[in-house]
Each structure stands twice: as structure tokens, then as C-alpha cells.
PDB file of N, CA and C in Angstrom:
ATOM      1  N   MET A   1       5.430 -11.835  -1.896  1.00  0.00           N
ATOM      2  CA  MET A   1       4.437 -11.708  -2.952  1.00  0.00           C
ATOM      3  C   MET A   1       3.302 -10.796  -2.514  1.00  0.00           C
ATOM      4  N   SER A   2       2.836 -10.952  -1.286  1.00  0.00           N
ATOM      5  CA  SER A   2       1.709 -10.136  -0.840  1.00  0.00           C
ATOM      6  C   SER A   2       2.128  -8.678  -0.671  1.00  0.00           C
ATOM      7  N   ASN A   3       3.384  -8.452  -0.256  1.00  0.00           N
ATOM      8  CA  ASN A   3       3.858  -7.072  -0.164  1.00  0.00           C
ATOM      9  C   ASN A   3       3.920  -6.421  -1.539  1.00  0.00           C
ATOM     10  N   LEU A   4       4.277  -7.197  -2.542  1.00  0.00           N
ATOM     11  CA  LEU A   4       4.330  -6.687  -3.898  1.00  0.00           C
ATOM     12  C   LEU A   4       2.933  -6.305  -4.378  1.00  0.00           C
ATOM     13  N   LEU A   5       1.949  -7.162  -4.123  1.00  0.00           N
ATOM     14  CA  LEU A   5       0.575  -6.856  -4.517  1.00  0.00           C
ATOM     15  C   LEU A   5       0.060  -5.613  -3.809  1.00  0.00           C
ATOM     16  N   TYR A   6       0.367  -5.507  -2.537  1.00  0.00           N
ATOM     17  CA  TYR A   6      -0.080  -4.347  -1.763  1.00  0.00           C
ATOM     18  C   TYR A   6       0.570  -3.070  -2.281  1.00  0.00           C
ATOM     19  N   THR A   7       1.843  -3.140  -2.604  1.00  0.00           N
ATOM     20  CA  THR A   7       2.558  -1.977  -3.133  1.00  0.00           C
ATOM     21  C   THR A   7       1.982  -1.563  -4.482  1.00  0.00           C
ATOM     22  N   ILE A   8       1.737  -2.537  -5.340  1.00  0.00           N
ATOM     23  CA  ILE A   8       1.151  -2.234  -6.650  1.00  0.00           C
ATOM     24  C   ILE A   8      -0.229  -1.617  -6.484  1.00  0.00           C
ATOM     25  N   ALA A   9      -1.014  -2.122  -5.554  1.00  0.00           N
ATOM     26  CA  ALA A   9      -2.352  -1.583  -5.313  1.00  0.00           C
ATOM     27  C   ALA A   9      -2.283  -0.134  -4.856  1.00  0.00           C
ATOM     28  N   ILE A  10      -1.372   0.174  -3.953  1.00  0.00           N
ATOM     29  CA  ILE A  10      -1.227   1.541  -3.464  1.00  0.00           C
ATOM     30  C   ILE A  10      -0.789   2.471  -4.588  1.00  0.00           C
ATOM     31  N   ILE A  11       0.153   2.017  -5.402  1.00  0.00           N
ATOM     32  CA  ILE A  11       0.626   2.834  -6.523  1.00  0.00           C
ATOM     33  C   ILE A  11      -0.511   3.098  -7.503  1.00  0.00           C
ATOM     34  N   LEU A  12      -1.317   2.080  -7.789  1.00  0.00           N
ATOM     35  CA  LEU A  12      -2.428   2.263  -8.717  1.00  0.00           C
ATOM     36  C   LEU A  12      -3.476   3.216  -8.160  1.00  0.00           C
ATOM     37  N   ILE A  13      -3.724   3.150  -6.858  1.00  0.00           N
ATOM     38  CA  ILE A  13      -4.675   4.074  -6.245  1.00  0.00           C
ATOM     39  C   ILE A  13      -4.150   5.510  -6.329  1.00  0.00           C
ATOM     40  N   ILE A  14      -2.862   5.691  -6.104  1.00  0.00           N
ATOM     41  CA  ILE A  14      -2.271   7.031  -6.210  1.00  0.00           C
ATOM     42  C   ILE A  14      -2.385   7.541  -7.646  1.00  0.00           C
ATOM     43  N   PHE A  15      -2.066   6.690  -8.626  1.00  0.00           N
ATOM     44  CA  PHE A  15      -2.199   7.104 -10.016  1.00  0.00           C
ATOM     45  C   PHE A  15      -3.641   7.435 -10.365  1.00  0.00           C
ATOM     46  N   TRP A  16      -4.571   6.641  -9.827  1.00  0.00           N
ATOM     47  CA  TRP A  16      -5.986   6.914 -10.073  1.00  0.00           C
ATOM     48  C   TRP A  16      -6.375   8.272  -9.518  1.00  0.00           C
ATOM     49  N   ALA A  17      -5.943   8.565  -8.296  1.00  0.00           N
ATOM     50  CA  ALA A  17      -6.282   9.847  -7.681  1.00  0.00           C
ATOM     51  C   ALA A  17      -5.689  11.008  -8.475  1.00  0.00           C
ATOM     52  N   ILE A  18      -4.440  10.866  -8.910  1.00  0.00           N
ATOM     53  CA  ILE A  18      -3.807  11.918  -9.713  1.00  0.00           C
ATOM     54  C   ILE A  18      -4.562  12.098 -11.031  1.00  0.00           C
ATOM     55  N   GLY A  19      -4.867  11.001 -11.673  1.00  0.00           N
ATOM     56  CA  GLY A  19      -5.588  11.066 -12.949  1.00  0.00           C
ATOM     57  C   GLY A  19      -6.993  11.604 -12.789  1.00  0.00           C
ATOM     58  N   PHE A  20      -7.643  11.253 -11.695  1.00  0.00           N
ATOM     59  CA  PHE A  20      -9.015  11.705 -11.468  1.00  0.00           C
ATOM     60  C   PHE A  20      -9.070  13.204 -11.259  1.00  0.00           C
ATOM     61  N   PHE A  21      -8.115  13.744 -10.512  1.00  0.00           N
ATOM     62  CA  PHE A  21      -8.147  15.160 -10.180  1.00  0.00           C
ATOM     63  C   PHE A  21      -7.368  16.036 -11.154  1.00  0.00           C
ATOM     64  N   ALA A  22      -6.393  15.503 -11.847  1.00  0.00           N
ATOM     65  CA  ALA A  22      -5.542  16.342 -12.685  1.00  0.00           C
ATOM     66  C   ALA A  22      -5.782  16.147 -14.185  1.00  0.00           C
ATOM     67  N   PHE A  23      -6.064  14.942 -14.606  1.00  0.00           N
ATOM     68  CA  PHE A  23      -6.181  14.645 -16.028  1.00  0.00           C
ATOM     69  C   PHE A  23      -7.522  13.985 -16.323  1.00  0.00           C
ATOM     70  N   SER A  24      -7.835  13.902 -17.578  1.00  0.00           N
ATOM     71  CA  SER A  24      -9.061  13.227 -17.986  1.00  0.00           C
ATOM     72  C   SER A  24      -8.691  12.099 -18.947  1.00  0.00           C
ATOM     73  N   LEU A  25      -8.455  10.916 -18.372  1.00  0.00           N
ATOM     74  CA  LEU A  25      -8.052   9.770 -19.197  1.00  0.00           C
ATOM     75  C   LEU A  25      -9.207   8.812 -19.460  1.00  0.00           C
ATOM     76  N   GLY A  26     -10.397   9.165 -19.011  1.00  0.00           N
ATOM     77  CA  GLY A  26     -11.561   8.331 -19.299  1.00  0.00           C
ATOM     78  C   GLY A  26     -11.563   7.033 -18.531  1.00  0.00           C
ATOM     79  N   GLY A  27     -11.880   5.946 -19.220  1.00  0.00           N
ATOM     80  CA  GLY A  27     -12.060   4.645 -18.587  1.00  0.00           C
ATOM     81  C   GLY A  27     -10.785   4.022 -18.050  1.00  0.00           C
ATOM     82  N   MET A  28      -9.634   4.436 -18.542  1.00  0.00           N
ATOM     83  CA  MET A  28      -8.362   3.852 -18.091  1.00  0.00           C
ATOM     84  C   MET A  28      -8.150   4.072 -16.606  1.00  0.00           C
ATOM     85  N   ILE A  29      -8.531   5.227 -16.092  1.00  0.00           N
ATOM     86  CA  ILE A  29      -8.362   5.526 -14.677  1.00  0.00           C
ATOM     87  C   ILE A  29      -9.194   4.558 -13.842  1.00  0.00           C
ATOM     88  N   HIS A  30     -10.399   4.293 -14.280  1.00  0.00           N
ATOM     89  CA  HIS A  30     -11.273   3.410 -13.515  1.00  0.00           C
ATOM     90  C   HIS A  30     -10.798   1.963 -13.573  1.00  0.00           C
ATOM     91  N   ILE A  31     -10.193   1.581 -14.675  1.00  0.00           N
ATOM     92  CA  ILE A  31      -9.615   0.241 -14.767  1.00  0.00           C
ATOM     93  C   ILE A  31      -8.475   0.091 -13.759  1.00  0.00           C
ATOM     94  N   LEU A  32      -7.641   1.118 -13.630  1.00  0.00           N
ATOM     95  CA  LEU A  32      -6.555   1.085 -12.642  1.00  0.00           C
ATOM     96  C   LEU A  32      -7.110   0.965 -11.229  1.00  0.00           C
ATOM     97  N   LEU A  33      -8.185   1.679 -10.945  1.00  0.00           N
ATOM     98  CA  LEU A  33      -8.801   1.611  -9.622  1.00  0.00           C
ATOM     99  C   LEU A  33      -9.329   0.214  -9.329  1.00  0.00           C
ATOM    100  N   VAL A  34      -9.975  -0.393 -10.290  1.00  0.00           N
ATOM    101  CA  VAL A  34     -10.521  -1.740 -10.104  1.00  0.00           C
ATOM    102  C   VAL A  34      -9.398  -2.738  -9.869  1.00  0.00           C
ATOM    103  N   ILE A  35      -8.309  -2.630 -10.604  1.00  0.00           N
ATOM    104  CA  ILE A  35      -7.169  -3.532 -10.415  1.00  0.00           C
ATOM    105  C   ILE A  35      -6.588  -3.360  -9.016  1.00  0.00           C
ATOM    106  N   ALA A  36      -6.475  -2.123  -8.570  1.00  0.00           N
ATOM    107  CA  ALA A  36      -5.946  -1.863  -7.233  1.00  0.00           C
ATOM    108  C   ALA A  36      -6.866  -2.445  -6.157  1.00  0.00           C
ATOM    109  N   LEU A  37      -8.155  -2.281  -6.313  1.00  0.00           N
ATOM    110  CA  LEU A  37      -9.099  -2.829  -5.334  1.00  0.00           C
ATOM    111  C   LEU A  37      -9.045  -4.356  -5.297  1.00  0.00           C
ATOM    112  N   PHE A  38      -8.927  -4.994  -6.458  1.00  0.00           N
ATOM    113  CA  PHE A  38      -8.802  -6.455  -6.479  1.00  0.00           C
ATOM    114  C   PHE A  38      -7.537  -6.915  -5.763  1.00  0.00           C
ATOM    115  N   ALA A  39      -6.444  -6.188  -5.946  1.00  0.00           N
ATOM    116  CA  ALA A  39      -5.198  -6.563  -5.275  1.00  0.00           C
ATOM    117  C   ALA A  39      -5.331  -6.433  -3.760  1.00  0.00           C
ATOM    118  N   ILE A  40      -5.997  -5.371  -3.304  1.00  0.00           N
ATOM    119  CA  ILE A  40      -6.199  -5.195  -1.863  1.00  0.00           C
ATOM    120  C   ILE A  40      -7.116  -6.280  -1.313  1.00  0.00           C
ATOM    121  N   LEU A  41      -8.210  -6.548  -2.003  1.00  0.00           N
ATOM    122  CA  LEU A  41      -9.139  -7.593  -1.551  1.00  0.00           C
ATOM    123  C   LEU A  41      -8.465  -8.963  -1.533  1.00  0.00           C
ATOM    124  N   PHE A  42      -7.643  -9.240  -2.526  1.00  0.00           N
ATOM    125  CA  PHE A  42      -6.926 -10.508  -2.567  1.00  0.00           C
ATOM    126  C   PHE A  42      -6.025 -10.663  -1.350  1.00  0.00           C
ATOM    127  N   ARG A  43      -5.358  -9.583  -0.957  1.00  0.00           N
ATOM    128  CA  ARG A  43      -4.479  -9.619   0.210  1.00  0.00           C
ATOM    129  C   ARG A  43      -5.283  -9.810   1.490  1.00  0.00           C
ATOM    130  N   ILE A  44      -6.427  -9.134   1.591  1.00  0.00           N
ATOM    131  CA  ILE A  44      -7.269  -9.271   2.784  1.00  0.00           C
ATOM    132  C   ILE A  44      -7.821 -10.690   2.898  1.00  0.00           C
ATOM    133  N   ILE A  45      -8.243 -11.253   1.793  1.00  0.00           N
ATOM    134  CA  ILE A  45      -8.812 -12.610   1.784  1.00  0.00           C
ATOM    135  C   ILE A  45      -7.753 -13.643   2.172  1.00  0.00           C
ATOM    136  N   LYS A  46      -6.511 -13.441   1.723  1.00  0.00           N
ATOM    137  CA  LYS A  46      -5.435 -14.372   2.089  1.00  0.00           C
ATOM    138  C   LYS A  46      -5.132 -14.317   3.588  1.00  0.00           C
ATOM    139  N   GLY A  47      -5.472 -13.211   4.253  1.00  0.00           N
ATOM    140  CA  GLY A  47      -5.321 -13.122   5.698  1.00  0.00           C
ATOM    141  C   GLY A  47      -3.959 -12.675   6.181  1.00  0.00           C
ATOM    142  N   ARG A  48      -3.205 -12.009   5.354  1.00  0.00           N
ATOM    143  CA  ARG A  48      -1.878 -11.568   5.772  1.00  0.00           C
ATOM    144  C   ARG A  48      -1.848 -10.080   5.899  1.00  0.00           C
TER     145      ARG A  48
END
């Protein structure tokens, strides 16, 4: 489960970076970034 969350977080960060530099999707990009950060923080807090 934690590997899945970490993978999803990395994918969302990559999509955010692509969207930030290549496209202008407005607030959707920032929502993806926030979701990715929450997934990373959740994994760090769990201690794995």
C-alpha cells in the first residue's frame, strides 16, 4: 500500500512539473501537487 502511494505521488509530481512548464491548466496542476505532497507526507509519517 505504501509503495502504491509513493508511486502515485511521484507520478503526480511529474505531471505537475510537465503541466507547470509545458501547459497552462490553472488550478488543476496545483491540486495534483497538493495530493502528491499529502501522499509523500503520509508515507513519511507512517515511518516506512
